[in-house]
Amino acid sequence: MTVELGVLAAHVPSICHRENIPPFQEGMVDEMDNIAKEIDALNPDLICIVSCHWLSTFNHYVDVADRHEGILTAFECPDIISDVGYKHVGDREIALQIVEAGKRARIPVTAIDDPTYVWDYGTVVPLRYLLPKSDVPIVSFSITEAASLEESRKWGETIKHVIDESGKKTVFIFSGALAHNLVRGRHNMPTISEQALDKQFINYALDRDYESMISMLPQYANNAGVEGGGRHLAMMLGILGINYKPDFKSYAQSSGSGNAIMTFRKEKNAVEA
């Protein structure tokens, strides 16, 4: 087994609590509910998640704790996300293997095992929908400001190799927006130009044209202000490839950002390159 399913997911603050979701984001959440059923049917051994809101400066961080438990109040929006509890198990063994593999690849990676560390809302929010049972071990990853897109993609490739070797049936969640030049007013869409760039990137994904996605990403990330500088997408490109069947689910705005929900399911009998 390996990464059996990739999920590009949203974490916009307004969906944290189901009762607060605005109408134009309901379709996005409905699709994440449907993906949760797909994940449950897959019965994975491991969930990995990289969040654009765990933004480290110089090192890539991996949460290697065997328990993830805390209460989140988001410092960016404490009026919207406050006193949100979470409780999940971890997988210390494979998390440490991933850290060591990163070091061997000369990627600056650090293990974090701190009971006082509180997850960010880019990690907590999508898991409230995609993994409501909280019964699958989770390993979480940062994105890194000092890392280039190429390094981020290489880091994704390194993570995937460890997962492949482990034999664990894994779901990998990429939590972050596409266009992300934020403006006040949750109802506001990205600009027409930004939407066009988002659509082109999505179309390349649907065509499994990963070379064009890789080629497009640097300028796209700069021009559309892709969340996290596009590093979560670079990691996605390192982990997924032409053996995965893409499925576009939804696209919705949040304060000028474009948030796509997509899945990438590994095809049966796929042969790794």
C-alpha atoms as a PDB file:
ATOM      1  CA  MET A   1       0.000   0.000   0.000  1.00  0.00           C
ATOM      2  CA  THR A   2       0.939   3.642  -0.365  1.00  0.00           C
ATOM      3  CA  VAL A   3      -0.812   7.019  -0.573  1.00  0.00           C
ATOM      4  CA  GLU A   4      -4.185   5.782  -1.765  1.00  0.00           C
ATOM      5  CA  LEU A   5      -5.999   9.122  -1.756  1.00  0.00           C
ATOM      6  CA  GLY A   6      -4.925  12.746  -1.961  1.00  0.00           C
ATOM      7  CA  VAL A   7      -7.329  15.502  -0.909  1.00  0.00           C
ATOM      8  CA  LEU A   8      -6.998  19.213  -1.653  1.00  0.00           C
ATOM      9  CA  ALA A   9      -9.091  20.679   1.150  1.00  0.00           C
ATOM     10  CA  ALA A  10     -10.274  24.040   2.446  1.00  0.00           C
ATOM     11  CA  HIS A  11      -9.919  25.434   5.962  1.00  0.00           C
ATOM     12  CA  VAL A  12     -11.649  28.823   5.734  1.00  0.00           C
ATOM     13  CA  PRO A  13     -12.583  29.998   9.264  1.00  0.00           C
ATOM     14  CA  SER A  14     -16.294  30.352   8.530  1.00  0.00           C
ATOM     15  CA  ILE A  15     -16.694  26.581   8.065  1.00  0.00           C
ATOM     16  CA  CYS A  16     -15.217  25.634  11.436  1.00  0.00           C
ATOM     17  CA  HIS A  17     -18.678  25.508  12.996  1.00  0.00           C
ATOM     18  CA  ARG A  18     -21.325  23.977  10.776  1.00  0.00           C
ATOM     19  CA  GLU A  19     -24.022  26.354  11.988  1.00  0.00           C
ATOM     20  CA  ASN A  20     -22.004  29.380  10.794  1.00  0.00           C
ATOM     21  CA  ILE A  21     -21.367  28.313   7.198  1.00  0.00           C
ATOM     22  CA  PRO A  22     -22.529  30.943   4.660  1.00  0.00           C
ATOM     23  CA  PRO A  23     -24.668  29.650   1.773  1.00  0.00           C
ATOM     24  CA  PHE A  24     -21.947  30.103  -0.858  1.00  0.00           C
ATOM     25  CA  GLN A  25     -19.639  27.735   1.077  1.00  0.00           C
ATOM     26  CA  GLU A  26     -22.196  25.001   1.787  1.00  0.00           C
ATOM     27  CA  GLY A  27     -21.368  23.067  -1.395  1.00  0.00           C
ATOM     28  CA  MET A  28     -17.720  22.962  -0.408  1.00  0.00           C
ATOM     29  CA  VAL A  29     -18.559  21.467   2.985  1.00  0.00           C
ATOM     30  CA  ASP A  30     -21.047  19.011   1.459  1.00  0.00           C
ATOM     31  CA  GLU A  31     -18.233  17.697  -0.729  1.00  0.00           C
ATOM     32  CA  MET A  32     -15.905  17.316   2.260  1.00  0.00           C
ATOM     33  CA  ASP A  33     -18.664  15.354   4.010  1.00  0.00           C
ATOM     34  CA  ASN A  34     -18.815  13.060   0.964  1.00  0.00           C
ATOM     35  CA  ILE A  35     -15.030  12.665   0.961  1.00  0.00           C
ATOM     36  CA  ALA A  36     -15.235  11.688   4.641  1.00  0.00           C
ATOM     37  CA  LYS A  37     -17.419   8.756   3.604  1.00  0.00           C
ATOM     38  CA  GLU A  38     -14.861   7.822   0.943  1.00  0.00           C
ATOM     39  CA  ILE A  39     -12.069   7.942   3.533  1.00  0.00           C
ATOM     40  CA  ASP A  40     -14.109   5.818   5.918  1.00  0.00           C
ATOM     41  CA  ALA A  41     -14.726   3.222   3.189  1.00  0.00           C
ATOM     42  CA  LEU A  42     -11.017   3.207   2.366  1.00  0.00           C
ATOM     43  CA  ASN A  43     -10.237   2.353   6.015  1.00  0.00           C
ATOM     44  CA  PRO A  44      -6.768   3.962   5.977  1.00  0.00           C
ATOM     45  CA  ASP A  45      -3.919   3.138   8.332  1.00  0.00           C
ATOM     46  CA  LEU A  46      -2.645   6.725   8.363  1.00  0.00           C
ATOM     47  CA  ILE A  47      -3.747  10.286   7.679  1.00  0.00           C
ATOM     48  CA  CYS A  48      -1.109  12.872   6.748  1.00  0.00           C
ATOM     49  CA  ILE A  49      -1.952  16.560   6.575  1.00  0.00           C
ATOM     50  CA  VAL A  50       0.083  19.597   5.545  1.00  0.00           C
ATOM     51  CA  SER A  51      -1.367  22.962   6.524  1.00  0.00           C
ATOM     52  CA  CYS A  52      -0.639  26.403   5.120  1.00  0.00           C
ATOM     53  CA  HIS A  53      -1.302  27.766   8.608  1.00  0.00           C
ATOM     54  CA  TRP A  54       1.553  25.840  10.152  1.00  0.00           C
ATOM     55  CA  LEU A  55       4.038  28.212   8.554  1.00  0.00           C
ATOM     56  CA  SER A  56       7.573  27.614   9.807  1.00  0.00           C
ATOM     57  CA  THR A  57      10.449  29.940   9.009  1.00  0.00           C
ATOM     58  CA  PHE A  58      13.561  27.879   8.269  1.00  0.00           C
ATOM     59  CA  ASN A  59      12.957  24.198   9.086  1.00  0.00           C
ATOM     60  CA  HIS A  60      10.298  21.795   7.927  1.00  0.00           C
ATOM     61  CA  TYR A  61       8.499  20.464  11.006  1.00  0.00           C
ATOM     62  CA  VAL A  62       6.827  17.103  11.530  1.00  0.00           C
ATOM     63  CA  ASP A  63       4.555  16.529  14.530  1.00  0.00           C
ATOM     64  CA  VAL A  64       5.761  13.106  15.691  1.00  0.00           C
ATOM     65  CA  ALA A  65       3.651  12.945  18.868  1.00  0.00           C
ATOM     66  CA  ASP A  66       1.718   9.763  19.533  1.00  0.00           C
ATOM     67  CA  ARG A  67      -1.223  11.834  20.797  1.00  0.00           C
ATOM     68  CA  HIS A  68      -2.572  15.116  19.429  1.00  0.00           C
ATOM     69  CA  GLU A  69      -4.840  16.820  21.924  1.00  0.00           C
ATOM     70  CA  GLY A  70      -5.610  20.453  22.618  1.00  0.00           C
ATOM     71  CA  ILE A  71      -8.008  23.377  22.539  1.00  0.00           C
ATOM     72  CA  LEU A  72      -7.643  25.810  19.656  1.00  0.00           C
ATOM     73  CA  THR A  73      -8.412  29.505  19.673  1.00  0.00           C
ATOM     74  CA  ALA A  74      -7.113  30.874  16.379  1.00  0.00           C
ATOM     75  CA  PHE A  75      -4.992  33.987  16.937  1.00  0.00           C
ATOM     76  CA  GLU A  76      -5.974  35.330  13.487  1.00  0.00           C
ATOM     77  CA  CYS A  77      -9.719  35.115  14.138  1.00  0.00           C
ATOM     78  CA  PRO A  78     -10.489  34.334  17.825  1.00  0.00           C
ATOM     79  CA  ASP A  79     -14.036  35.615  17.379  1.00  0.00           C
ATOM     80  CA  ILE A  80     -14.738  32.872  14.805  1.00  0.00           C
ATOM     81  CA  ILE A  81     -12.591  29.960  16.019  1.00  0.00           C
ATOM     82  CA  SER A  82     -12.521  29.809  19.799  1.00  0.00           C
ATOM     83  CA  ASP A  83     -12.314  26.996  22.344  1.00  0.00           C
ATOM     84  CA  VAL A  84     -12.350  24.249  19.680  1.00  0.00           C
ATOM     85  CA  GLY A  85     -11.197  20.958  21.138  1.00  0.00           C
ATOM     86  CA  TYR A  86      -9.544  18.162  19.190  1.00  0.00           C
ATOM     87  CA  LYS A  87      -8.207  14.744  20.118  1.00  0.00           C
ATOM     88  CA  HIS A  88      -6.424  12.365  17.752  1.00  0.00           C
ATOM     89  CA  VAL A  89      -3.804   9.646  17.931  1.00  0.00           C
ATOM     90  CA  GLY A  90      -0.476   9.901  16.134  1.00  0.00           C
ATOM     91  CA  ASP A  91       2.024   7.534  14.561  1.00  0.00           C
ATOM     92  CA  ARG A  92       5.413   8.287  16.097  1.00  0.00           C
ATOM     93  CA  GLU A  93       7.204   5.443  14.316  1.00  0.00           C
ATOM     94  CA  ILE A  94       6.516   6.489  10.735  1.00  0.00           C
ATOM     95  CA  ALA A  95       6.748  10.188  11.595  1.00  0.00           C
ATOM     96  CA  LEU A  96      10.301   9.688  12.869  1.00  0.00           C
ATOM     97  CA  GLN A  97      11.140   7.620   9.796  1.00  0.00           C
ATOM     98  CA  ILE A  98       9.987  10.519   7.619  1.00  0.00           C
ATOM     99  CA  VAL A  99      12.122  12.980   9.595  1.00  0.00           C
ATOM    100  CA  GLU A 100      15.211  10.803   9.206  1.00  0.00           C
ATOM    101  CA  ALA A 101      14.563  10.357   5.480  1.00  0.00           C
ATOM    102  CA  GLY A 102      14.327  14.127   5.100  1.00  0.00           C
ATOM    103  CA  LYS A 103      17.666  14.586   6.826  1.00  0.00           C
ATOM    104  CA  ARG A 104      19.280  11.972   4.587  1.00  0.00           C
ATOM    105  CA  ALA A 105      17.945  13.923   1.603  1.00  0.00           C
ATOM    106  CA  ARG A 106      19.627  17.057   3.027  1.00  0.00           C
ATOM    107  CA  ILE A 107      16.307  18.717   3.713  1.00  0.00           C
ATOM    108  CA  PRO A 108      16.238  20.687   7.009  1.00  0.00           C
ATOM    109  CA  VAL A 109      13.615  18.731   8.950  1.00  0.00           C
ATOM    110  CA  THR A 110      12.903  18.795  12.694  1.00  0.00           C
ATOM    111  CA  ALA A 111      10.699  16.497  14.763  1.00  0.00           C
ATOM    112  CA  ILE A 112       8.231  18.141  17.156  1.00  0.00           C
ATOM    113  CA  ASP A 113       6.948  16.174  20.157  1.00  0.00           C
ATOM    114  CA  ASP A 114       5.535  18.725  22.570  1.00  0.00           C
ATOM    115  CA  PRO A 115       2.273  18.231  24.511  1.00  0.00           C
ATOM    116  CA  THR A 116       1.884  22.016  24.812  1.00  0.00           C
ATOM    117  CA  TYR A 117       1.951  22.560  21.038  1.00  0.00           C
ATOM    118  CA  VAL A 118      -1.524  23.459  19.725  1.00  0.00           C
ATOM    119  CA  TRP A 119      -2.535  22.661  16.163  1.00  0.00           C
ATOM    120  CA  ASP A 120      -3.384  25.513  13.787  1.00  0.00           C
ATOM    121  CA  TYR A 121      -6.825  25.919  12.271  1.00  0.00           C
ATOM    122  CA  GLY A 122      -5.612  24.803   8.842  1.00  0.00           C
ATOM    123  CA  THR A 123      -5.076  21.403  10.452  1.00  0.00           C
ATOM    124  CA  VAL A 124      -8.066  21.308  12.801  1.00  0.00           C
ATOM    125  CA  VAL A 125     -10.826  22.617  10.512  1.00  0.00           C
ATOM    126  CA  PRO A 126     -10.611  20.153   7.578  1.00  0.00           C
ATOM    127  CA  LEU A 127     -10.207  17.206   9.951  1.00  0.00           C
ATOM    128  CA  ARG A 128     -13.517  18.136  11.648  1.00  0.00           C
ATOM    129  CA  TYR A 129     -15.180  17.194   8.362  1.00  0.00           C
ATOM    130  CA  LEU A 130     -12.863  14.669   6.737  1.00  0.00           C
ATOM    131  CA  LEU A 131     -12.192  12.544   9.820  1.00  0.00           C
ATOM    132  CA  PRO A 132     -15.138  12.937  12.216  1.00  0.00           C
ATOM    133  CA  LYS A 133     -14.433   9.622  13.988  1.00  0.00           C
ATOM    134  CA  SER A 134     -10.928  10.709  15.090  1.00  0.00           C
ATOM    135  CA  ASP A 135      -9.811   7.078  15.076  1.00  0.00           C
ATOM    136  CA  VAL A 136      -7.025   7.059  12.444  1.00  0.00           C
ATOM    137  CA  PRO A 137      -3.414   7.989  13.357  1.00  0.00           C
ATOM    138  CA  ILE A 138      -2.382  11.421  12.086  1.00  0.00           C
ATOM    139  CA  VAL A 139       0.974  12.930  11.164  1.00  0.00           C
ATOM    140  CA  SER A 140       0.985  16.670  10.451  1.00  0.00           C
ATOM    141  CA  PHE A 141       3.471  18.763   8.489  1.00  0.00           C
ATOM    142  CA  SER A 142       4.360  22.437   8.223  1.00  0.00           C
ATOM    143  CA  ILE A 143       5.102  24.449   5.130  1.00  0.00           C
ATOM    144  CA  THR A 144       8.371  26.354   5.269  1.00  0.00           C
ATOM    145  CA  GLU A 145       8.902  29.972   4.296  1.00  0.00           C
ATOM    146  CA  ALA A 146      12.605  29.558   3.474  1.00  0.00           C
ATOM    147  CA  ALA A 147      11.953  26.506   1.282  1.00  0.00           C
ATOM    148  CA  SER A 148      11.684  26.922  -2.461  1.00  0.00           C
ATOM    149  CA  LEU A 149       8.873  25.269  -4.386  1.00  0.00           C
ATOM    150  CA  GLU A 150      11.421  22.780  -5.719  1.00  0.00           C
ATOM    151  CA  GLU A 151      12.566  21.888  -2.198  1.00  0.00           C
ATOM    152  CA  SER A 152       8.939  21.544  -1.103  1.00  0.00           C
ATOM    153  CA  ARG A 153       8.265  19.180  -4.002  1.00  0.00           C
ATOM    154  CA  LYS A 154      11.378  17.151  -3.154  1.00  0.00           C
ATOM    155  CA  TRP A 155      10.169  16.975   0.452  1.00  0.00           C
ATOM    156  CA  GLY A 156       6.856  15.578  -0.813  1.00  0.00           C
ATOM    157  CA  GLU A 157       8.693  12.951  -2.843  1.00  0.00           C
ATOM    158  CA  THR A 158      10.721  11.983   0.228  1.00  0.00           C
ATOM    159  CA  ILE A 159       7.615  11.632   2.384  1.00  0.00           C
ATOM    160  CA  LYS A 160       5.902   9.495  -0.250  1.00  0.00           C
ATOM    161  CA  HIS A 161       8.903   7.153  -0.488  1.00  0.00           C
ATOM    162  CA  VAL A 162       8.764   6.467   3.258  1.00  0.00           C
ATOM    163  CA  ILE A 163       5.018   5.844   3.126  1.00  0.00           C
ATOM    164  CA  ASP A 164       5.479   3.497   0.157  1.00  0.00           C
ATOM    165  CA  GLU A 165       8.124   1.540   2.050  1.00  0.00           C
ATOM    166  CA  SER A 166       5.935   1.335   5.168  1.00  0.00           C
ATOM    167  CA  GLY A 167       3.063  -0.398   3.381  1.00  0.00           C
ATOM    168  CA  LYS A 168       0.563   1.824   5.213  1.00  0.00           C
ATOM    169  CA  LYS A 169      -2.650   2.680   3.403  1.00  0.00           C
ATOM    170  CA  THR A 170      -2.522   6.466   3.593  1.00  0.00           C
ATOM    171  CA  VAL A 171      -4.709   9.487   2.890  1.00  0.00           C
ATOM    172  CA  PHE A 172      -2.769  12.728   2.379  1.00  0.00           C
ATOM    173  CA  ILE A 173      -4.618  16.031   2.913  1.00  0.00           C
ATOM    174  CA  PHE A 174      -3.290  19.284   1.451  1.00  0.00           C
ATOM    175  CA  SER A 175      -4.969  22.076   3.413  1.00  0.00           C
ATOM    176  CA  GLY A 176      -4.830  25.425   1.674  1.00  0.00           C
ATOM    177  CA  ALA A 177      -6.359  27.765  -0.857  1.00  0.00           C
ATOM    178  CA  LEU A 178      -5.443  28.525  -4.449  1.00  0.00           C
ATOM    179  CA  ALA A 179      -5.627  32.290  -5.187  1.00  0.00           C
ATOM    180  CA  HIS A 180      -5.196  34.057  -1.856  1.00  0.00           C
ATOM    181  CA  ASN A 181      -4.947  37.846  -2.234  1.00  0.00           C
ATOM    182  CA  LEU A 182      -7.314  38.530   0.644  1.00  0.00           C
ATOM    183  CA  VAL A 183      -9.819  41.383   0.858  1.00  0.00           C
ATOM    184  CA  ARG A 184     -12.452  42.272   3.421  1.00  0.00           C
ATOM    185  CA  GLY A 185     -15.832  40.687   2.754  1.00  0.00           C
ATOM    186  CA  ARG A 186     -16.175  36.917   2.872  1.00  0.00           C
ATOM    187  CA  HIS A 187     -18.510  36.928  -0.137  1.00  0.00           C
ATOM    188  CA  ASN A 188     -15.851  38.414  -2.455  1.00  0.00           C
ATOM    189  CA  MET A 189     -14.481  36.189  -5.210  1.00  0.00           C
ATOM    190  CA  PRO A 190     -10.879  36.289  -6.415  1.00  0.00           C
ATOM    191  CA  THR A 191     -10.370  38.661  -9.332  1.00  0.00           C
ATOM    192  CA  ILE A 192     -11.255  37.455 -12.825  1.00  0.00           C
ATOM    193  CA  SER A 193      -7.556  37.028 -13.615  1.00  0.00           C
ATOM    194  CA  GLU A 194      -6.950  35.047 -10.426  1.00  0.00           C
ATOM    195  CA  GLN A 195      -9.957  32.834 -11.135  1.00  0.00           C
ATOM    196  CA  ALA A 196      -8.588  32.178 -14.624  1.00  0.00           C
ATOM    197  CA  LEU A 197      -5.255  31.073 -13.155  1.00  0.00           C
ATOM    198  CA  ASP A 198      -7.027  28.838 -10.627  1.00  0.00           C
ATOM    199  CA  LYS A 199      -9.090  27.291 -13.415  1.00  0.00           C
ATOM    200  CA  GLN A 200      -6.006  26.632 -15.553  1.00  0.00           C
ATOM    201  CA  PHE A 201      -4.204  24.933 -12.678  1.00  0.00           C
ATOM    202  CA  ILE A 202      -7.274  22.802 -11.954  1.00  0.00           C
ATOM    203  CA  ASN A 203      -7.601  21.885 -15.629  1.00  0.00           C
ATOM    204  CA  TYR A 204      -3.960  20.802 -15.775  1.00  0.00           C
ATOM    205  CA  ALA A 205      -4.681  18.622 -12.739  1.00  0.00           C
ATOM    206  CA  LEU A 206      -7.746  17.084 -14.388  1.00  0.00           C
ATOM    207  CA  ASP A 207      -5.676  16.389 -17.512  1.00  0.00           C
ATOM    208  CA  ARG A 208      -2.946  14.817 -15.327  1.00  0.00           C
ATOM    209  CA  ASP A 209      -0.527  17.263 -16.908  1.00  0.00           C
ATOM    210  CA  TYR A 210       1.779  17.401 -13.908  1.00  0.00           C
ATOM    211  CA  GLU A 211       4.686  18.810 -15.904  1.00  0.00           C
ATOM    212  CA  SER A 212       2.587  21.863 -16.768  1.00  0.00           C
ATOM    213  CA  MET A 213       1.445  22.181 -13.147  1.00  0.00           C
ATOM    214  CA  ILE A 214       5.079  22.166 -12.005  1.00  0.00           C
ATOM    215  CA  SER A 215       6.065  24.652 -14.698  1.00  0.00           C
ATOM    216  CA  MET A 216       3.119  26.953 -13.979  1.00  0.00           C
ATOM    217  CA  LEU A 217       3.310  26.972 -10.186  1.00  0.00           C
ATOM    218  CA  PRO A 218       6.055  29.584  -9.525  1.00  0.00           C
ATOM    219  CA  GLN A 219       4.497  32.347 -11.634  1.00  0.00           C
ATOM    220  CA  TYR A 220       0.970  31.299 -10.656  1.00  0.00           C
ATOM    221  CA  ALA A 221       1.863  31.415  -6.947  1.00  0.00           C
ATOM    222  CA  ASN A 222       3.309  34.895  -7.374  1.00  0.00           C
ATOM    223  CA  ASN A 223       0.564  36.395  -9.538  1.00  0.00           C
ATOM    224  CA  ALA A 224      -2.425  34.909  -7.726  1.00  0.00           C
ATOM    225  CA  GLY A 225      -0.898  35.078  -4.249  1.00  0.00           C
ATOM    226  CA  VAL A 226      -1.460  31.332  -3.825  1.00  0.00           C
ATOM    227  CA  GLU A 227      -1.708  30.497  -0.136  1.00  0.00           C
ATOM    228  CA  GLY A 228       1.574  29.586   1.489  1.00  0.00           C
ATOM    229  CA  GLY A 229       3.385  30.569  -1.692  1.00  0.00           C
ATOM    230  CA  GLY A 230       2.002  27.382  -3.253  1.00  0.00           C
ATOM    231  CA  ARG A 231       4.178  25.158  -1.069  1.00  0.00           C
ATOM    232  CA  HIS A 232       1.310  22.820  -0.165  1.00  0.00           C
ATOM    233  CA  LEU A 233       0.685  22.400  -3.898  1.00  0.00           C
ATOM    234  CA  ALA A 234       4.375  21.727  -4.514  1.00  0.00           C
ATOM    235  CA  MET A 235       4.301  19.013  -1.859  1.00  0.00           C
ATOM    236  CA  MET A 236       1.161  17.641  -3.506  1.00  0.00           C
ATOM    237  CA  LEU A 237       2.980  17.458  -6.832  1.00  0.00           C
ATOM    238  CA  GLY A 238       5.795  15.541  -5.146  1.00  0.00           C
ATOM    239  CA  ILE A 239       3.403  13.023  -3.633  1.00  0.00           C
ATOM    240  CA  LEU A 240       0.884  12.534  -6.434  1.00  0.00           C
ATOM    241  CA  GLY A 241       1.318  11.836 -10.136  1.00  0.00           C
ATOM    242  CA  ILE A 242      -0.257  10.420 -13.270  1.00  0.00           C
ATOM    243  CA  ASN A 243      -1.281   7.217 -11.475  1.00  0.00           C
ATOM    244  CA  TYR A 244      -3.914   9.170  -9.535  1.00  0.00           C
ATOM    245  CA  LYS A 245      -7.390   9.807 -10.908  1.00  0.00           C
ATOM    246  CA  PRO A 246      -8.324  13.468 -10.257  1.00  0.00           C
ATOM    247  CA  ASP A 247     -11.843  14.524  -9.388  1.00  0.00           C
ATOM    248  CA  PHE A 248     -12.879  18.171  -9.082  1.00  0.00           C
ATOM    249  CA  LYS A 249     -15.552  18.603  -6.408  1.00  0.00           C
ATOM    250  CA  SER A 250     -16.130  22.276  -5.642  1.00  0.00           C
ATOM    251  CA  TYR A 251     -14.774  25.808  -5.738  1.00  0.00           C
ATOM    252  CA  ALA A 252     -15.871  28.637  -3.447  1.00  0.00           C
ATOM    253  CA  GLN A 253     -14.724  32.053  -2.374  1.00  0.00           C
ATOM    254  CA  SER A 254     -13.709  33.366   1.021  1.00  0.00           C
ATOM    255  CA  SER A 255     -12.618  37.001   1.300  1.00  0.00           C
ATOM    256  CA  GLY A 256     -11.078  37.032  -2.156  1.00  0.00           C
ATOM    257  CA  SER A 257      -9.496  33.580  -1.923  1.00  0.00           C
ATOM    258  CA  GLY A 258     -10.314  30.665  -4.208  1.00  0.00           C
ATOM    259  CA  ASN A 259     -10.833  27.373  -2.429  1.00  0.00           C
ATOM    260  CA  ALA A 260     -10.932  24.168  -4.447  1.00  0.00           C
ATOM    261  CA  ILE A 261     -11.976  20.765  -3.188  1.00  0.00           C
ATOM    262  CA  MET A 262     -10.399  17.948  -5.189  1.00  0.00           C
ATOM    263  CA  THR A 263      -9.542  14.298  -4.708  1.00  0.00           C
ATOM    264  CA  PHE A 264      -6.813  12.223  -6.325  1.00  0.00           C
ATOM    265  CA  ARG A 265      -7.439   8.501  -5.981  1.00  0.00           C
ATOM    266  CA  LYS A 266      -4.719   6.016  -6.827  1.00  0.00           C
ATOM    267  CA  GLU A 267      -5.842   3.748  -9.639  1.00  0.00           C
ATOM    268  CA  LYS A 268      -5.770   0.010  -9.145  1.00  0.00           C
ATOM    269  CA  ASN A 269      -2.833  -1.783 -10.747  1.00  0.00           C
ATOM    270  CA  ALA A 270      -1.003   1.540 -11.182  1.00  0.00           C
ATOM    271  CA  VAL A 271       2.721   1.095 -11.733  1.00  0.00           C
ATOM    272  CA  GLU A 272       5.000   3.583 -10.004  1.00  0.00           C
ATOM    273  CA  ALA A 273       7.483   5.394 -12.221  1.00  0.00           C
END
